[in-house]
C-alpha cells in the first residue's frame, strides 16, 4: 500500500496535492494517463513502471529512509511527467489533473529540488530509469 508522501517545506502549496495515496491526485493523474489514447504505448509503459516503483518499498532509496525514501519516488514521478509533457503535450497532463494547484511548475520544482537533495548516484539511477528518451 502506498503511504502519504509530502514534499519538504518550501516546495509548494498544500502537501495534500503531493500525496501518493492510491486515491491521491498524482496517482489518479497517472492512472488517467494510462487510459489516454494520446499517450504513446512507450510512455504508458513508463507510467506503469513509475507506479510500480512508487508502490514498491524496495527501490533506489528504500521508503523507510526518512524523507529521502520519498523524494526519490517524487523525483521519478516528476521525470515521467516531464517526459509526457514533452511527448504528449502539457494540455494532456493539465486535462487529467484534478488537484487544486498548478501541477506543471511543481513538476519542474521537484525535479530541481531532487537533484540538490539526493546523492548524485541516486539522481543518475532514477534519471536512467525514468528520465531521458
N, C-alpha and C. Protein backbone atom coordinates (compact mmCIF):
# COMPACT_ATOMS: atom_id res chain seq x y z
N UNK A 1 0.83 -1.18 0.00
CA UNK A 1 0.00 0.00 0.00
C UNK A 1 0.87 1.24 0.00
N UNK A 2 0.49 2.21 -0.76
CA UNK A 2 1.24 3.46 -0.80
C UNK A 2 0.97 4.24 0.48
N UNK A 3 1.98 4.97 0.91
CA UNK A 3 1.81 5.79 2.10
C UNK A 3 1.82 7.25 1.70
N UNK A 4 1.44 8.10 2.63
CA UNK A 4 1.41 9.54 2.33
C UNK A 4 2.83 10.01 2.05
N UNK A 5 2.96 10.83 1.05
CA UNK A 5 4.25 11.38 0.70
C UNK A 5 4.09 12.88 0.53
N UNK A 6 4.79 13.65 1.27
CA UNK A 6 4.70 15.10 1.14
C UNK A 6 6.10 15.68 0.94
N UNK A 7 6.18 16.74 0.21
CA UNK A 7 7.44 17.41 -0.02
C UNK A 7 7.86 18.21 1.20
N UNK A 8 9.14 18.45 1.36
CA UNK A 8 9.61 19.30 2.44
C UNK A 8 9.03 20.71 2.30
N UNK A 9 9.03 21.43 3.41
CA UNK A 9 8.50 22.79 3.41
C UNK A 9 9.23 23.63 2.36
N UNK A 10 8.50 24.53 1.75
CA UNK A 10 9.10 25.43 0.78
C UNK A 10 9.01 24.95 -0.65
N UNK A 11 8.49 23.75 -0.87
CA UNK A 11 8.42 23.25 -2.24
C UNK A 11 7.03 23.32 -2.83
N UNK A 12 6.18 24.08 -2.25
CA UNK A 12 4.90 24.23 -2.90
C UNK A 12 3.78 24.49 -1.95
N UNK A 13 2.60 24.41 -2.48
CA UNK A 13 1.40 24.74 -1.73
C UNK A 13 1.07 23.64 -0.74
N UNK A 14 -0.13 23.18 -0.74
CA UNK A 14 -0.55 22.20 0.25
C UNK A 14 0.08 20.84 0.01
N UNK A 15 0.45 20.19 1.10
CA UNK A 15 1.06 18.86 0.96
C UNK A 15 0.04 17.85 0.44
N UNK A 16 -1.25 18.12 0.60
CA UNK A 16 -2.27 17.20 0.12
C UNK A 16 -2.14 16.99 -1.39
N UNK A 17 -1.74 18.01 -2.11
CA UNK A 17 -1.58 17.91 -3.56
C UNK A 17 -0.57 16.84 -3.92
N UNK A 18 0.43 16.67 -3.10
CA UNK A 18 1.57 15.83 -3.46
C UNK A 18 1.48 14.41 -2.92
N UNK A 19 0.39 14.07 -2.26
CA UNK A 19 0.31 12.74 -1.70
C UNK A 19 0.23 11.69 -2.79
N UNK A 20 0.83 10.56 -2.49
CA UNK A 20 0.79 9.44 -3.42
C UNK A 20 -0.07 8.33 -2.84
N UNK A 21 -1.16 8.72 -2.18
CA UNK A 21 -2.15 7.73 -1.76
C UNK A 21 -2.77 7.12 -3.01
N UNK A 22 -3.28 5.89 -2.91
CA UNK A 22 -3.94 5.30 -4.08
C UNK A 22 -5.06 6.17 -4.65
N UNK A 23 -5.70 6.99 -3.81
CA UNK A 23 -6.76 7.86 -4.32
C UNK A 23 -6.31 9.32 -4.42
N UNK A 24 -5.02 9.58 -4.31
CA UNK A 24 -4.50 10.94 -4.38
C UNK A 24 -4.44 11.45 -5.81
N UNK A 25 -4.32 12.76 -5.96
CA UNK A 25 -4.35 13.36 -7.30
C UNK A 25 -3.22 12.91 -8.22
N UNK A 26 -2.02 12.66 -7.69
CA UNK A 26 -0.92 12.22 -8.57
C UNK A 26 -1.17 10.81 -9.11
N UNK A 27 -1.63 9.92 -8.25
CA UNK A 27 -1.92 8.55 -8.70
C UNK A 27 -3.09 8.56 -9.68
N UNK A 28 -4.10 9.36 -9.40
CA UNK A 28 -5.24 9.49 -10.31
C UNK A 28 -4.79 10.03 -11.67
N UNK A 29 -3.90 11.01 -11.65
CA UNK A 29 -3.36 11.55 -12.90
C UNK A 29 -2.65 10.45 -13.69
N UNK A 30 -1.78 9.70 -13.04
CA UNK A 30 -1.04 8.64 -13.74
C UNK A 30 -1.99 7.58 -14.29
N UNK A 31 -3.00 7.22 -13.52
CA UNK A 31 -3.99 6.25 -13.98
C UNK A 31 -4.72 6.77 -15.22
N UNK A 32 -5.13 8.02 -15.20
CA UNK A 32 -5.83 8.60 -16.35
C UNK A 32 -4.93 8.68 -17.58
N UNK A 33 -3.66 8.94 -17.37
CA UNK A 33 -2.72 8.98 -18.50
C UNK A 33 -2.55 7.60 -19.11
N UNK A 34 -2.61 6.56 -18.29
CA UNK A 34 -2.53 5.19 -18.81
C UNK A 34 -3.68 4.89 -19.76
N UNK A 35 -4.82 5.52 -19.55
CA UNK A 35 -6.02 5.25 -20.34
C UNK A 35 -6.20 6.21 -21.52
N UNK A 36 -5.34 7.20 -21.65
CA UNK A 36 -5.48 8.22 -22.69
C UNK A 36 -4.84 7.74 -24.00
N UNK A 37 -5.61 7.76 -25.06
CA UNK A 37 -5.12 7.30 -26.37
C UNK A 37 -4.03 8.21 -26.94
N UNK A 38 -3.94 9.44 -26.45
CA UNK A 38 -2.91 10.36 -26.95
C UNK A 38 -1.54 10.09 -26.36
N UNK A 39 -1.48 9.27 -25.34
CA UNK A 39 -0.22 8.90 -24.71
C UNK A 39 0.30 7.65 -25.40
N UNK A 40 1.54 7.72 -25.86
CA UNK A 40 2.12 6.60 -26.61
C UNK A 40 2.24 5.35 -25.73
N UNK A 41 2.33 4.23 -26.40
CA UNK A 41 2.48 2.95 -25.69
C UNK A 41 3.75 2.95 -24.84
N UNK A 42 4.84 3.47 -25.39
CA UNK A 42 6.10 3.53 -24.65
C UNK A 42 5.96 4.38 -23.39
N UNK A 43 5.26 5.50 -23.50
CA UNK A 43 5.06 6.34 -22.33
C UNK A 43 4.13 5.69 -21.32
N UNK A 44 3.15 4.93 -21.79
CA UNK A 44 2.27 4.21 -20.86
C UNK A 44 3.06 3.16 -20.09
N UNK A 45 3.99 2.51 -20.73
CA UNK A 45 4.85 1.53 -20.05
C UNK A 45 5.66 2.24 -18.97
N UNK A 46 6.16 3.43 -19.29
CA UNK A 46 6.92 4.21 -18.33
C UNK A 46 6.05 4.64 -17.15
N UNK A 47 4.81 5.04 -17.42
CA UNK A 47 3.88 5.41 -16.35
C UNK A 47 3.61 4.20 -15.45
N UNK A 48 3.38 3.06 -16.06
CA UNK A 48 3.18 1.84 -15.28
C UNK A 48 4.39 1.50 -14.44
N UNK A 49 5.57 1.67 -15.02
CA UNK A 49 6.81 1.37 -14.29
C UNK A 49 6.98 2.30 -13.09
N UNK A 50 6.66 3.58 -13.26
CA UNK A 50 6.82 4.51 -12.14
C UNK A 50 5.78 4.22 -11.05
N UNK A 51 4.60 3.79 -11.44
CA UNK A 51 3.61 3.40 -10.42
C UNK A 51 4.10 2.21 -9.60
N UNK A 52 4.70 1.22 -10.27
CA UNK A 52 5.25 0.06 -9.57
C UNK A 52 6.41 0.51 -8.67
N UNK A 53 7.27 1.38 -9.18
CA UNK A 53 8.41 1.88 -8.42
C UNK A 53 7.95 2.58 -7.15
N UNK A 54 6.94 3.43 -7.27
CA UNK A 54 6.44 4.18 -6.13
C UNK A 54 5.76 3.24 -5.12
N UNK A 55 5.06 2.25 -5.61
CA UNK A 55 4.35 1.32 -4.73
C UNK A 55 5.30 0.37 -4.01
N UNK A 56 6.45 0.12 -4.59
CA UNK A 56 7.39 -0.82 -4.02
C UNK A 56 8.15 -0.19 -2.85
N UNK A 57 8.24 -0.89 -1.72
CA UNK A 57 9.03 -0.35 -0.61
C UNK A 57 10.54 -0.51 -0.87
N UNK A 58 10.88 -1.30 -1.87
CA UNK A 58 12.29 -1.53 -2.20
C UNK A 58 12.60 -0.83 -3.51
N UNK A 59 13.35 0.26 -3.43
CA UNK A 59 13.79 0.96 -4.63
C UNK A 59 15.16 1.56 -4.36
N UNK A 60 15.58 2.52 -5.13
CA UNK A 60 16.95 3.03 -5.00
C UNK A 60 17.23 3.51 -3.58
N UNK A 61 16.32 4.30 -3.03
CA UNK A 61 16.39 4.65 -1.60
C UNK A 61 15.13 4.06 -0.98
N UNK A 62 15.27 3.04 -0.14
CA UNK A 62 14.08 2.41 0.44
C UNK A 62 13.19 3.42 1.17
N UNK A 63 11.91 3.18 1.14
CA UNK A 63 10.94 4.11 1.69
C UNK A 63 11.06 4.29 3.20
N UNK A 64 11.70 3.37 3.88
CA UNK A 64 11.85 3.53 5.33
C UNK A 64 12.91 4.57 5.69
N UNK A 65 13.72 5.02 4.72
CA UNK A 65 14.69 6.08 4.97
C UNK A 65 13.92 7.40 5.00
N UNK A 66 13.93 8.09 6.13
CA UNK A 66 13.13 9.32 6.24
C UNK A 66 13.45 10.33 5.15
N UNK A 67 12.45 10.91 4.60
CA UNK A 67 12.45 11.94 3.58
C UNK A 67 13.07 11.50 2.25
N UNK A 68 14.32 11.07 2.26
CA UNK A 68 14.97 10.68 1.01
C UNK A 68 14.24 9.52 0.34
N UNK A 69 13.68 8.62 1.12
CA UNK A 69 12.93 7.49 0.57
C UNK A 69 11.69 7.93 -0.18
N UNK A 70 11.17 9.09 0.17
CA UNK A 70 10.00 9.62 -0.52
C UNK A 70 10.41 10.55 -1.65
N UNK A 71 11.50 11.28 -1.47
CA UNK A 71 11.93 12.24 -2.50
C UNK A 71 12.32 11.51 -3.78
N UNK A 72 12.97 10.35 -3.68
CA UNK A 72 13.34 9.65 -4.91
C UNK A 72 12.10 9.20 -5.67
N UNK A 73 11.03 8.83 -4.94
CA UNK A 73 9.78 8.45 -5.61
C UNK A 73 9.17 9.66 -6.33
N UNK A 74 9.12 10.80 -5.66
CA UNK A 74 8.57 12.00 -6.27
C UNK A 74 9.42 12.45 -7.47
N UNK A 75 10.73 12.30 -7.36
CA UNK A 75 11.62 12.63 -8.46
C UNK A 75 11.30 11.76 -9.68
N UNK A 76 11.10 10.47 -9.44
CA UNK A 76 10.76 9.56 -10.55
C UNK A 76 9.45 9.98 -11.20
N UNK A 77 8.44 10.31 -10.40
CA UNK A 77 7.15 10.75 -10.94
C UNK A 77 7.33 12.04 -11.74
N UNK A 78 8.11 12.98 -11.20
CA UNK A 78 8.34 14.24 -11.91
C UNK A 78 9.03 14.01 -13.25
N UNK A 79 10.02 13.12 -13.29
CA UNK A 79 10.71 12.83 -14.56
C UNK A 79 9.77 12.24 -15.59
N UNK A 80 8.92 11.32 -15.16
CA UNK A 80 7.96 10.71 -16.08
C UNK A 80 6.99 11.77 -16.60
N UNK A 81 6.50 12.63 -15.72
CA UNK A 81 5.57 13.67 -16.16
C UNK A 81 6.25 14.68 -17.08
N UNK A 82 7.52 14.99 -16.84
CA UNK A 82 8.25 15.87 -17.76
C UNK A 82 8.34 15.23 -19.15
N UNK A 83 8.59 13.94 -19.18
CA UNK A 83 8.65 13.25 -20.47
C UNK A 83 7.29 13.29 -21.16
N UNK A 84 6.22 13.07 -20.41
CA UNK A 84 4.88 13.10 -21.01
C UNK A 84 4.52 14.49 -21.49
N UNK A 85 4.94 15.51 -20.78
CA UNK A 85 4.72 16.89 -21.25
C UNK A 85 5.41 17.07 -22.59
N UNK A 86 6.62 16.57 -22.70
CA UNK A 86 7.39 16.68 -23.94
C UNK A 86 6.76 15.88 -25.07
N UNK A 87 6.32 14.67 -24.77
CA UNK A 87 5.81 13.77 -25.81
C UNK A 87 4.35 13.99 -26.17
N UNK A 88 3.51 14.17 -25.16
CA UNK A 88 2.06 14.24 -25.39
C UNK A 88 1.50 15.65 -25.29
N UNK A 89 2.26 16.53 -24.68
CA UNK A 89 1.82 17.91 -24.56
C UNK A 89 1.33 18.25 -23.17
N UNK A 90 1.61 19.46 -22.77
CA UNK A 90 1.20 19.94 -21.46
C UNK A 90 -0.31 19.91 -21.29
N UNK A 91 -1.03 20.14 -22.37
CA UNK A 91 -2.50 20.17 -22.27
C UNK A 91 -3.07 18.81 -21.86
N UNK A 92 -2.44 17.72 -22.27
CA UNK A 92 -2.90 16.38 -21.89
C UNK A 92 -2.75 16.19 -20.38
N UNK A 93 -1.61 16.61 -19.85
CA UNK A 93 -1.37 16.50 -18.41
C UNK A 93 -2.38 17.35 -17.65
N UNK A 94 -2.54 18.59 -18.08
CA UNK A 94 -3.46 19.51 -17.39
C UNK A 94 -4.91 19.01 -17.46
N UNK A 95 -5.29 18.41 -18.56
CA UNK A 95 -6.65 17.91 -18.73
C UNK A 95 -7.00 16.84 -17.69
N UNK A 96 -6.03 16.03 -17.33
CA UNK A 96 -6.27 14.93 -16.40
C UNK A 96 -5.98 15.28 -14.94
N UNK A 97 -5.43 16.44 -14.70
CA UNK A 97 -5.05 16.83 -13.34
C UNK A 97 -6.28 17.31 -12.57
N UNK A 98 -6.50 16.75 -11.39
CA UNK A 98 -7.65 17.12 -10.56
C UNK A 98 -7.25 17.89 -9.32
N UNK A 99 -5.98 18.09 -9.11
CA UNK A 99 -5.52 18.83 -7.93
C UNK A 99 -5.85 20.30 -8.06
N UNK A 100 -5.78 20.98 -6.95
CA UNK A 100 -6.15 22.39 -6.93
C UNK A 100 -5.00 23.31 -7.32
N UNK A 101 -3.79 22.82 -7.28
CA UNK A 101 -2.62 23.63 -7.59
C UNK A 101 -2.21 23.44 -9.05
N UNK A 102 -1.34 24.34 -9.53
CA UNK A 102 -0.82 24.22 -10.89
C UNK A 102 0.30 23.18 -10.88
N UNK A 103 0.06 22.07 -11.52
CA UNK A 103 0.97 20.94 -11.48
C UNK A 103 2.28 21.17 -12.23
N UNK A 104 2.24 21.81 -13.38
CA UNK A 104 3.41 21.89 -14.24
C UNK A 104 4.59 22.59 -13.55
N UNK A 105 4.43 23.75 -12.94
CA UNK A 105 5.58 24.34 -12.24
C UNK A 105 6.10 23.44 -11.11
N UNK A 106 5.19 22.75 -10.43
CA UNK A 106 5.59 21.84 -9.36
C UNK A 106 6.48 20.74 -9.89
N UNK A 107 6.16 20.19 -11.05
CA UNK A 107 6.95 19.10 -11.63
C UNK A 107 8.41 19.53 -11.77
N UNK A 108 8.62 20.70 -12.34
CA UNK A 108 9.98 21.19 -12.56
C UNK A 108 10.67 21.57 -11.25
N UNK A 109 9.90 22.06 -10.29
CA UNK A 109 10.45 22.40 -8.98
C UNK A 109 10.93 21.14 -8.27
N UNK A 110 10.13 20.09 -8.31
CA UNK A 110 10.51 18.81 -7.67
C UNK A 110 11.76 18.25 -8.32
N UNK A 111 11.81 18.29 -9.63
CA UNK A 111 12.99 17.76 -10.32
C UNK A 111 14.25 18.53 -9.91
N UNK A 112 14.14 19.84 -9.86
CA UNK A 112 15.30 20.66 -9.46
C UNK A 112 15.69 20.42 -8.01
N UNK A 113 14.72 20.39 -7.11
CA UNK A 113 15.00 20.15 -5.70
C UNK A 113 15.63 18.79 -5.50
N UNK A 114 15.11 17.79 -6.17
CA UNK A 114 15.60 16.43 -6.00
C UNK A 114 17.06 16.31 -6.40
N UNK A 115 17.44 17.03 -7.44
CA UNK A 115 18.84 16.98 -7.89
C UNK A 115 19.78 17.58 -6.86
N UNK A 116 19.28 18.49 -6.05
CA UNK A 116 20.09 19.09 -4.99
C UNK A 116 20.08 18.21 -3.74
N UNK A 117 18.92 17.66 -3.41
CA UNK A 117 18.73 16.92 -2.17
C UNK A 117 19.31 15.50 -2.23
N UNK A 118 19.10 14.82 -3.35
CA UNK A 118 19.51 13.42 -3.46
C UNK A 118 20.98 13.30 -3.86
N UNK A 119 21.64 12.23 -3.43
CA UNK A 119 23.02 11.99 -3.88
C UNK A 119 23.08 11.83 -5.41
N UNK A 120 24.18 12.24 -5.99
CA UNK A 120 24.35 12.18 -7.45
C UNK A 120 24.07 10.79 -8.01
N UNK A 121 24.53 9.76 -7.33
CA UNK A 121 24.32 8.40 -7.85
C UNK A 121 22.83 8.05 -7.90
N UNK A 122 22.06 8.55 -6.96
CA UNK A 122 20.62 8.30 -6.95
C UNK A 122 19.95 9.07 -8.08
N UNK A 123 20.36 10.33 -8.27
CA UNK A 123 19.81 11.14 -9.36
C UNK A 123 20.08 10.44 -10.69
N UNK A 124 21.30 9.96 -10.89
CA UNK A 124 21.65 9.26 -12.13
C UNK A 124 20.83 7.99 -12.30
N UNK A 125 20.71 7.22 -11.23
CA UNK A 125 19.98 5.95 -11.32
C UNK A 125 18.49 6.17 -11.63
N UNK A 126 17.87 7.13 -10.96
CA UNK A 126 16.45 7.41 -11.22
C UNK A 126 16.29 8.01 -12.62
N UNK A 127 17.19 8.90 -12.99
CA UNK A 127 17.12 9.50 -14.33
C UNK A 127 17.30 8.45 -15.41
N UNK A 128 18.19 7.51 -15.19
CA UNK A 128 18.40 6.43 -16.17
C UNK A 128 17.14 5.59 -16.34
N UNK A 129 16.43 5.37 -15.26
CA UNK A 129 15.22 4.55 -15.32
C UNK A 129 14.02 5.30 -15.91
N UNK A 130 13.88 6.57 -15.54
CA UNK A 130 12.64 7.26 -15.87
C UNK A 130 12.81 8.56 -16.64
N UNK A 131 14.03 9.02 -16.88
CA UNK A 131 14.22 10.35 -17.43
C UNK A 131 14.27 10.46 -18.93
N UNK A 132 15.43 10.26 -19.48
CA UNK A 132 15.67 10.53 -20.89
C UNK A 132 15.01 9.52 -21.81
N UNK A 133 14.83 9.94 -23.05
CA UNK A 133 14.28 9.05 -24.08
C UNK A 133 15.30 7.99 -24.43
